[in-house]
PDB file of N, CA and C in Angstrom:
ATOM      1  N   ASP A   1     -11.030 -24.718 -25.888  1.00  0.00           N
ATOM      2  CA  ASP A   1     -10.814 -24.347 -24.501  1.00  0.00           C
ATOM      3  C   ASP A   1      -9.469 -23.634 -24.330  1.00  0.00           C
ATOM      4  N   ARG A   2      -8.468 -24.108 -25.058  1.00  0.00           N
ATOM      5  CA  ARG A   2      -7.149 -23.491 -24.958  1.00  0.00           C
ATOM      6  C   ARG A   2      -7.194 -22.029 -25.390  1.00  0.00           C
ATOM      7  N   LEU A   3      -7.881 -21.756 -26.498  1.00  0.00           N
ATOM      8  CA  LEU A   3      -7.962 -20.374 -26.982  1.00  0.00           C
ATOM      9  C   LEU A   3      -8.619 -19.481 -25.938  1.00  0.00           C
ATOM     10  N   VAL A   4      -9.709 -19.951 -25.366  1.00  0.00           N
ATOM     11  CA  VAL A   4     -10.431 -19.170 -24.360  1.00  0.00           C
ATOM     12  C   VAL A   4      -9.531 -18.901 -23.164  1.00  0.00           C
ATOM     13  N   THR A   5      -8.888 -19.932 -22.674  1.00  0.00           N
ATOM     14  CA  THR A   5      -8.014 -19.799 -21.505  1.00  0.00           C
ATOM     15  C   THR A   5      -6.886 -18.814 -21.767  1.00  0.00           C
ATOM     16  N   GLU A   6      -6.224 -18.953 -22.900  1.00  0.00           N
ATOM     17  CA  GLU A   6      -5.074 -18.090 -23.184  1.00  0.00           C
ATOM     18  C   GLU A   6      -5.493 -16.657 -23.492  1.00  0.00           C
ATOM     19  N   LEU A   7      -6.612 -16.472 -24.184  1.00  0.00           N
ATOM     20  CA  LEU A   7      -7.090 -15.112 -24.444  1.00  0.00           C
ATOM     21  C   LEU A   7      -7.445 -14.406 -23.138  1.00  0.00           C
ATOM     22  N   ARG A   8      -8.103 -15.111 -22.251  1.00  0.00           N
ATOM     23  CA  ARG A   8      -8.454 -14.505 -20.953  1.00  0.00           C
ATOM     24  C   ARG A   8      -7.196 -14.184 -20.153  1.00  0.00           C
ATOM     25  N   ALA A   9      -6.187 -15.068 -20.217  1.00  0.00           N
ATOM     26  CA  ALA A   9      -4.928 -14.810 -19.506  1.00  0.00           C
ATOM     27  C   ALA A   9      -4.238 -13.559 -20.037  1.00  0.00           C
ATOM     28  N   LEU A  10      -4.457 -13.244 -21.311  1.00  0.00           N
ATOM     29  CA  LEU A  10      -3.890 -12.036 -21.908  1.00  0.00           C
ATOM     30  C   LEU A  10      -4.704 -10.790 -21.578  1.00  0.00           C
ATOM     31  N   GLY A  11      -5.863 -10.977 -20.954  1.00  0.00           N
ATOM     32  CA  GLY A  11      -6.683  -9.840 -20.554  1.00  0.00           C
ATOM     33  C   GLY A  11      -7.861  -9.541 -21.455  1.00  0.00           C
ATOM     34  N   TYR A  12      -8.106 -10.398 -22.436  1.00  0.00           N
ATOM     35  CA  TYR A  12      -9.252 -10.184 -23.318  1.00  0.00           C
ATOM     36  C   TYR A  12     -10.520 -10.751 -22.703  1.00  0.00           C
ATOM     37  N   GLU A  13     -11.629 -10.143 -23.017  1.00  0.00           N
ATOM     38  CA  GLU A  13     -12.920 -10.719 -22.676  1.00  0.00           C
ATOM     39  C   GLU A  13     -13.275 -11.715 -23.765  1.00  0.00           C
ATOM     40  N   VAL A  14     -13.923 -12.790 -23.382  1.00  0.00           N
ATOM     41  CA  VAL A  14     -14.304 -13.837 -24.328  1.00  0.00           C
ATOM     42  C   VAL A  14     -15.777 -14.166 -24.112  1.00  0.00           C
ATOM     43  N   THR A  15     -16.536 -14.187 -25.197  1.00  0.00           N
ATOM     44  CA  THR A  15     -17.948 -14.531 -25.132  1.00  0.00           C
ATOM     45  C   THR A  15     -18.090 -16.045 -24.954  1.00  0.00           C
ATOM     46  N   GLU A  16     -18.939 -16.455 -24.034  1.00  0.00           N
ATOM     47  CA  GLU A  16     -19.188 -17.880 -23.830  1.00  0.00           C
ATOM     48  C   GLU A  16     -19.793 -18.483 -25.090  1.00  0.00           C
ATOM     49  N   SER A  17     -19.301 -19.664 -25.470  1.00  0.00           N
ATOM     50  CA  SER A  17     -19.796 -20.315 -26.679  1.00  0.00           C
ATOM     51  C   SER A  17     -19.400 -21.786 -26.664  1.00  0.00           C
ATOM     52  N   ASP A  18     -20.245 -22.615 -27.256  1.00  0.00           N
ATOM     53  CA  ASP A  18     -19.927 -24.029 -27.459  1.00  0.00           C
ATOM     54  C   ASP A  18     -19.586 -24.275 -28.923  1.00  0.00           C
ATOM     55  N   ALA A  19     -19.475 -23.226 -29.697  1.00  0.00           N
ATOM     56  CA  ALA A  19     -19.187 -23.350 -31.133  1.00  0.00           C
ATOM     57  C   ALA A  19     -17.686 -23.532 -31.356  1.00  0.00           C
ATOM     58  N   ASN A  20     -17.301 -23.697 -32.608  1.00  0.00           N
ATOM     59  CA  ASN A  20     -15.883 -23.868 -32.950  1.00  0.00           C
ATOM     60  C   ASN A  20     -15.190 -22.530 -33.189  1.00  0.00           C
ATOM     61  N   PHE A  21     -15.824 -21.451 -32.770  1.00  0.00           N
ATOM     62  CA  PHE A  21     -15.193 -20.143 -32.881  1.00  0.00           C
ATOM     63  C   PHE A  21     -15.286 -19.419 -31.544  1.00  0.00           C
ATOM     64  N   VAL A  22     -14.434 -18.422 -31.391  1.00  0.00           N
ATOM     65  CA  VAL A  22     -14.359 -17.649 -30.161  1.00  0.00           C
ATOM     66  C   VAL A  22     -14.465 -16.179 -30.527  1.00  0.00           C
ATOM     67  N   GLN A  23     -15.367 -15.471 -29.859  1.00  0.00           N
ATOM     68  CA  GLN A  23     -15.462 -14.027 -30.015  1.00  0.00           C
ATOM     69  C   GLN A  23     -14.722 -13.408 -28.829  1.00  0.00           C
ATOM     70  N   PHE A  24     -13.783 -12.528 -29.132  1.00  0.00           N
ATOM     71  CA  PHE A  24     -12.958 -11.960 -28.067  1.00  0.00           C
ATOM     72  C   PHE A  24     -12.754 -10.485 -28.313  1.00  0.00           C
ATOM     73  N   GLY A  25     -12.420  -9.775 -27.253  1.00  0.00           N
ATOM     74  CA  GLY A  25     -12.147  -8.384 -27.482  1.00  0.00           C
ATOM     75  C   GLY A  25     -12.263  -7.453 -26.327  1.00  0.00           C
ATOM     76  N   ARG A  26     -12.940  -6.387 -26.696  1.00  0.00           N
ATOM     77  CA  ARG A  26     -13.041  -5.077 -26.078  1.00  0.00           C
ATOM     78  C   ARG A  26     -11.880  -4.240 -26.595  1.00  0.00           C
ATOM     79  N   PHE A  27     -11.761  -4.253 -27.930  1.00  0.00           N
ATOM     80  CA  PHE A  27     -10.755  -3.439 -28.600  1.00  0.00           C
ATOM     81  C   PHE A  27     -11.291  -2.024 -28.800  1.00  0.00           C
ATOM     82  N   PRO A  28     -10.480  -1.002 -28.576  1.00  0.00           N
ATOM     83  CA  PRO A  28     -10.919   0.358 -28.878  1.00  0.00           C
ATOM     84  C   PRO A  28     -11.194   0.519 -30.375  1.00  0.00           C
ATOM     85  N   ASP A  29     -10.410  -0.183 -31.201  1.00  0.00           N
ATOM     86  CA  ASP A  29     -10.584  -0.147 -32.651  1.00  0.00           C
ATOM     87  C   ASP A  29     -10.411  -1.574 -33.176  1.00  0.00           C
ATOM     88  N   ALA A  30     -11.513  -2.309 -33.246  1.00  0.00           N
ATOM     89  CA  ALA A  30     -11.462  -3.720 -33.654  1.00  0.00           C
ATOM     90  C   ALA A  30     -10.917  -3.863 -35.069  1.00  0.00           C
ATOM     91  N   HIS A  31     -11.252  -2.925 -35.950  1.00  0.00           N
ATOM     92  CA  HIS A  31     -10.770  -3.037 -37.321  1.00  0.00           C
ATOM     93  C   HIS A  31      -9.242  -2.920 -37.378  1.00  0.00           C
ATOM     94  N   ALA A  32      -8.672  -2.025 -36.606  1.00  0.00           N
ATOM     95  CA  ALA A  32      -7.211  -1.879 -36.576  1.00  0.00           C
ATOM     96  C   ALA A  32      -6.569  -3.138 -35.991  1.00  0.00           C
ATOM     97  N   ALA A  33      -7.155  -3.699 -34.950  1.00  0.00           N
ATOM     98  CA  ALA A  33      -6.632  -4.941 -34.370  1.00  0.00           C
ATOM     99  C   ALA A  33      -6.728  -6.072 -35.387  1.00  0.00           C
ATOM    100  N   TRP A  34      -7.842  -6.153 -36.080  1.00  0.00           N
ATOM    101  CA  TRP A  34      -8.028  -7.163 -37.131  1.00  0.00           C
ATOM    102  C   TRP A  34      -6.920  -7.043 -38.179  1.00  0.00           C
ATOM    103  N   ARG A  35      -6.636  -5.825 -38.595  1.00  0.00           N
ATOM    104  CA  ARG A  35      -5.610  -5.590 -39.612  1.00  0.00           C
ATOM    105  C   ARG A  35      -4.223  -6.035 -39.124  1.00  0.00           C
ATOM    106  N   ARG A  36      -3.896  -5.706 -37.867  1.00  0.00           N
ATOM    107  CA  ARG A  36      -2.587  -6.066 -37.308  1.00  0.00           C
ATOM    108  C   ARG A  36      -2.431  -7.586 -37.214  1.00  0.00           C
ATOM    109  N   ILE A  37      -3.487  -8.294 -36.848  1.00  0.00           N
ATOM    110  CA  ILE A  37      -3.434  -9.758 -36.777  1.00  0.00           C
ATOM    111  C   ILE A  37      -3.331 -10.328 -38.186  1.00  0.00           C
ATOM    112  N   LEU A  38      -4.117  -9.799 -39.106  1.00  0.00           N
ATOM    113  CA  LEU A  38      -4.087 -10.250 -40.502  1.00  0.00           C
ATOM    114  C   LEU A  38      -2.700 -10.028 -41.113  1.00  0.00           C
ATOM    115  N   ASP A  39      -2.057  -8.922 -40.765  1.00  0.00           N
ATOM    116  CA  ASP A  39      -0.710  -8.634 -41.264  1.00  0.00           C
ATOM    117  C   ASP A  39       0.296  -9.705 -40.853  1.00  0.00           C
ATOM    118  N   ARG A  40      -0.023 -10.448 -39.830  1.00  0.00           N
ATOM    119  CA  ARG A  40       0.838 -11.541 -39.373  1.00  0.00           C
ATOM    120  C   ARG A  40       0.447 -12.877 -40.006  1.00  0.00           C
ATOM    121  N   GLY A  41      -0.435 -12.819 -40.990  1.00  0.00           N
ATOM    122  CA  GLY A  41      -0.822 -14.027 -41.719  1.00  0.00           C
ATOM    123  C   GLY A  41      -1.874 -14.871 -41.041  1.00  0.00           C
ATOM    124  N   VAL A  42      -2.586 -14.280 -40.084  1.00  0.00           N
ATOM    125  CA  VAL A  42      -3.603 -15.019 -39.341  1.00  0.00           C
ATOM    126  C   VAL A  42      -4.972 -14.422 -39.668  1.00  0.00           C
ATOM    127  N   LEU A  43      -5.882 -15.276 -40.080  1.00  0.00           N
ATOM    128  CA  LEU A  43      -7.218 -14.816 -40.448  1.00  0.00           C
ATOM    129  C   LEU A  43      -8.148 -14.829 -39.245  1.00  0.00           C
ATOM    130  N   VAL A  44      -8.649 -13.668 -38.911  1.00  0.00           N
ATOM    131  CA  VAL A  44      -9.716 -13.512 -37.918  1.00  0.00           C
ATOM    132  C   VAL A  44     -10.804 -12.696 -38.584  1.00  0.00           C
ATOM    133  N   ARG A  45     -11.970 -12.682 -37.997  1.00  0.00           N
ATOM    134  CA  ARG A  45     -13.089 -11.956 -38.599  1.00  0.00           C
ATOM    135  C   ARG A  45     -13.453 -10.725 -37.781  1.00  0.00           C
ATOM    136  N   ASP A  46     -13.608  -9.633 -38.481  1.00  0.00           N
ATOM    137  CA  ASP A  46     -14.218  -8.437 -37.898  1.00  0.00           C
ATOM    138  C   ASP A  46     -15.687  -8.581 -38.264  1.00  0.00           C
ATOM    139  N   ASN A  47     -16.463  -9.159 -37.351  1.00  0.00           N
ATOM    140  CA  ASN A  47     -17.845  -9.512 -37.671  1.00  0.00           C
ATOM    141  C   ASN A  47     -18.843  -8.393 -37.404  1.00  0.00           C
ATOM    142  N   GLY A  48     -18.329  -7.184 -37.251  1.00  0.00           N
ATOM    143  CA  GLY A  48     -19.220  -6.035 -37.157  1.00  0.00           C
ATOM    144  C   GLY A  48     -19.726  -5.727 -35.760  1.00  0.00           C
ATOM    145  N   VAL A  49     -19.342  -6.522 -34.779  1.00  0.00           N
ATOM    146  CA  VAL A  49     -19.734  -6.237 -33.405  1.00  0.00           C
ATOM    147  C   VAL A  49     -18.685  -5.268 -32.846  1.00  0.00           C
ATOM    148  N   PRO A  50     -19.084  -4.051 -32.510  1.00  0.00           N
ATOM    149  CA  PRO A  50     -18.105  -3.050 -32.080  1.00  0.00           C
ATOM    150  C   PRO A  50     -17.223  -3.552 -30.942  1.00  0.00           C
ATOM    151  N   GLY A  51     -15.893  -3.483 -31.165  1.00  0.00           N
ATOM    152  CA  GLY A  51     -14.937  -3.848 -30.135  1.00  0.00           C
ATOM    153  C   GLY A  51     -14.557  -5.319 -30.069  1.00  0.00           C
ATOM    154  N   TRP A  52     -15.138  -6.127 -30.948  1.00  0.00           N
ATOM    155  CA  TRP A  52     -14.929  -7.574 -30.867  1.00  0.00           C
ATOM    156  C   TRP A  52     -14.443  -8.144 -32.200  1.00  0.00           C
ATOM    157  N   LEU A  53     -13.662  -9.235 -32.107  1.00  0.00           N
ATOM    158  CA  LEU A  53     -13.231 -10.017 -33.261  1.00  0.00           C
ATOM    159  C   LEU A  53     -13.617 -11.464 -33.024  1.00  0.00           C
ATOM    160  N   ARG A  54     -13.578 -12.260 -34.084  1.00  0.00           N
ATOM    161  CA  ARG A  54     -13.928 -13.675 -33.969  1.00  0.00           C
ATOM    162  C   ARG A  54     -12.860 -14.511 -34.650  1.00  0.00           C
ATOM    163  N   VAL A  55     -12.470 -15.594 -34.001  1.00  0.00           N
ATOM    164  CA  VAL A  55     -11.499 -16.526 -34.572  1.00  0.00           C
ATOM    165  C   VAL A  55     -12.085 -17.930 -34.498  1.00  0.00           C
ATOM    166  N   THR A  56     -11.835 -18.701 -35.550  1.00  0.00           N
ATOM    167  CA  THR A  56     -12.260 -20.097 -35.579  1.00  0.00           C
ATOM    168  C   THR A  56     -11.112 -20.959 -35.086  1.00  0.00           C
ATOM    169  N   ALA A  57     -11.430 -21.919 -34.226  1.00  0.00           N
ATOM    170  CA  ALA A  57     -10.408 -22.854 -33.736  1.00  0.00           C
ATOM    171  C   ALA A  57      -9.873 -23.644 -34.918  1.00  0.00           C
ATOM    172  N   GLY A  58      -8.565 -23.827 -34.948  1.00  0.00           N
ATOM    173  CA  GLY A  58      -7.932 -24.546 -36.048  1.00  0.00           C
ATOM    174  C   GLY A  58      -7.080 -25.686 -35.534  1.00  0.00           C
ATOM    175  N   THR A  59      -6.086 -26.018 -36.313  1.00  0.00           N
ATOM    176  CA  THR A  59      -5.134 -27.044 -35.908  1.00  0.00           C
ATOM    177  C   THR A  59      -4.267 -26.481 -34.778  1.00  0.00           C
ATOM    178  N   PRO A  60      -3.557 -27.322 -34.055  1.00  0.00           N
ATOM    179  CA  PRO A  60      -2.665 -26.781 -33.023  1.00  0.00           C
ATOM    180  C   PRO A  60      -1.679 -25.748 -33.584  1.00  0.00           C
ATOM    181  N   ALA A  61      -1.131 -25.980 -34.753  1.00  0.00           N
ATOM    182  CA  ALA A  61      -0.193 -25.020 -35.354  1.00  0.00           C
ATOM    183  C   ALA A  61      -0.892 -23.705 -35.696  1.00  0.00           C
ATOM    184  N   GLU A  62      -2.111 -23.771 -36.220  1.00  0.00           N
ATOM    185  CA  GLU A  62      -2.869 -22.551 -36.538  1.00  0.00           C
ATOM    186  C   GLU A  62      -3.204 -21.785 -35.257  1.00  0.00           C
ATOM    187  N   ASN A  63      -3.589 -22.504 -34.220  1.00  0.00           N
ATOM    188  CA  ASN A  63      -3.898 -21.849 -32.947  1.00  0.00           C
ATOM    189  C   ASN A  63      -2.652 -21.197 -32.359  1.00  0.00           C
ATOM    190  N   ASP A  64      -1.487 -21.870 -32.493  1.00  0.00           N
ATOM    191  CA  ASP A  64      -0.228 -21.275 -32.027  1.00  0.00           C
ATOM    192  C   ASP A  64       0.056 -19.969 -32.760  1.00  0.00           C
ATOM    193  N   ALA A  65      -0.116 -19.973 -34.079  1.00  0.00           N
ATOM    194  CA  ALA A  65       0.134 -18.768 -34.881  1.00  0.00           C
ATOM    195  C   ALA A  65      -0.811 -17.639 -34.469  1.00  0.00           C
ATOM    196  N   PHE A  66      -2.066 -17.960 -34.237  1.00  0.00           N
ATOM    197  CA  PHE A  66      -3.041 -16.966 -33.788  1.00  0.00           C
ATOM    198  C   PHE A  66      -2.624 -16.380 -32.446  1.00  0.00           C
ATOM    199  N   LEU A  67      -2.320 -17.251 -31.492  1.00  0.00           N
ATOM    200  CA  LEU A  67      -1.966 -16.767 -30.162  1.00  0.00           C
ATOM    201  C   LEU A  67      -0.680 -15.948 -30.190  1.00  0.00           C
ATOM    202  N   ASP A  68       0.280 -16.343 -31.010  1.00  0.00           N
ATOM    203  CA  ASP A  68       1.498 -15.538 -31.155  1.00  0.00           C
ATOM    204  C   ASP A  68       1.166 -14.150 -31.693  1.00  0.00           C
ATOM    205  N   ALA A  69       0.280 -14.086 -32.684  1.00  0.00           N
ATOM    206  CA  ALA A  69      -0.113 -12.796 -33.270  1.00  0.00           C
ATOM    207  C   ALA A  69      -0.825 -11.923 -32.241  1.00  0.00           C
ATOM    208  N   VAL A  70      -1.676 -12.522 -31.429  1.00  0.00           N
ATOM    209  CA  VAL A  70      -2.405 -11.760 -30.410  1.00  0.00           C
ATOM    210  C   VAL A  70      -1.452 -11.281 -29.315  1.00  0.00           C
ATOM    211  N   ARG A  71      -0.485 -12.104 -28.956  1.00  0.00           N
ATOM    212  CA  ARG A  71       0.516 -11.675 -27.964  1.00  0.00           C
ATOM    213  C   ARG A  71       1.312 -10.470 -28.487  1.00  0.00           C
ATOM    214  N   GLU A  72       1.696 -10.518 -29.753  1.00  0.00           N
ATOM    215  CA  GLU A  72       2.421  -9.391 -30.360  1.00  0.00           C
ATOM    216  C   GLU A  72       1.552  -8.140 -30.389  1.00  0.00           C
ATOM    217  N   LEU A  73       0.279  -8.307 -30.707  1.00  0.00           N
ATOM    218  CA  LEU A  73      -0.645  -7.176 -30.705  1.00  0.00           C
ATOM    219  C   LEU A  73      -0.713  -6.555 -29.315  1.00  0.00           C
ATOM    220  N   LYS A  74      -0.803  -7.384 -28.290  1.00  0.00           N
ATOM    221  CA  LYS A  74      -0.847  -6.889 -26.917  1.00  0.00           C
ATOM    222  C   LYS A  74       0.403  -6.071 -26.594  1.00  0.00           C
ATOM    223  N   LYS A  75       1.569  -6.585 -27.015  1.00  0.00           N
ATOM    224  CA  LYS A  75       2.828  -5.861 -26.770  1.00  0.00           C
ATOM    225  C   LYS A  75       2.821  -4.514 -27.465  1.00  0.00           C
ATOM    226  N   GLU A  76       2.343  -4.486 -28.723  1.00  0.00           N
ATOM    227  CA  GLU A  76       2.278  -3.227 -29.474  1.00  0.00           C
ATOM    228  C   GLU A  76       1.370  -2.217 -28.787  1.00  0.00           C
ATOM    229  N   GLN A  77       0.290  -2.707 -28.215  1.00  0.00           N
ATOM    230  CA  GLN A  77      -0.682  -1.826 -27.571  1.00  0.00           C
ATOM    231  C   GLN A  77      -0.238  -1.413 -26.180  1.00  0.00           C
ATOM    232  N   GLY A  78       0.851  -2.025 -25.719  1.00  0.00           N
ATOM    233  CA  GLY A  78       1.381  -1.667 -24.414  1.00  0.00           C
ATOM    234  C   GLY A  78       0.495  -2.069 -23.264  1.00  0.00           C
ATOM    235  N   SER A  79      -0.272  -3.136 -23.487  1.00  0.00           N
ATOM    236  CA  SER A  79      -1.135  -3.580 -22.396  1.00  0.00           C
ATOM    237  C   SER A  79      -0.840  -4.989 -22.003  1.00  0.00           C
TER     238      SER A  79
END
């Protein structure tokens, strides 16, 4: 729930799901976004859905690292 709430607060769309992963996005270039997040040591999946990435919920520390990486990505994109 935390990931969904924080991703939406950052302006990302999030697909509804009861699973342990979250699909988020509307990236103009999902592969480039995936690479930028991965460069920060955070594993997300480019699952082939145009404009979307997927992240699995982890430990609180892993979720913090993911959210920090996504916040930095947002700053880089100027949005």
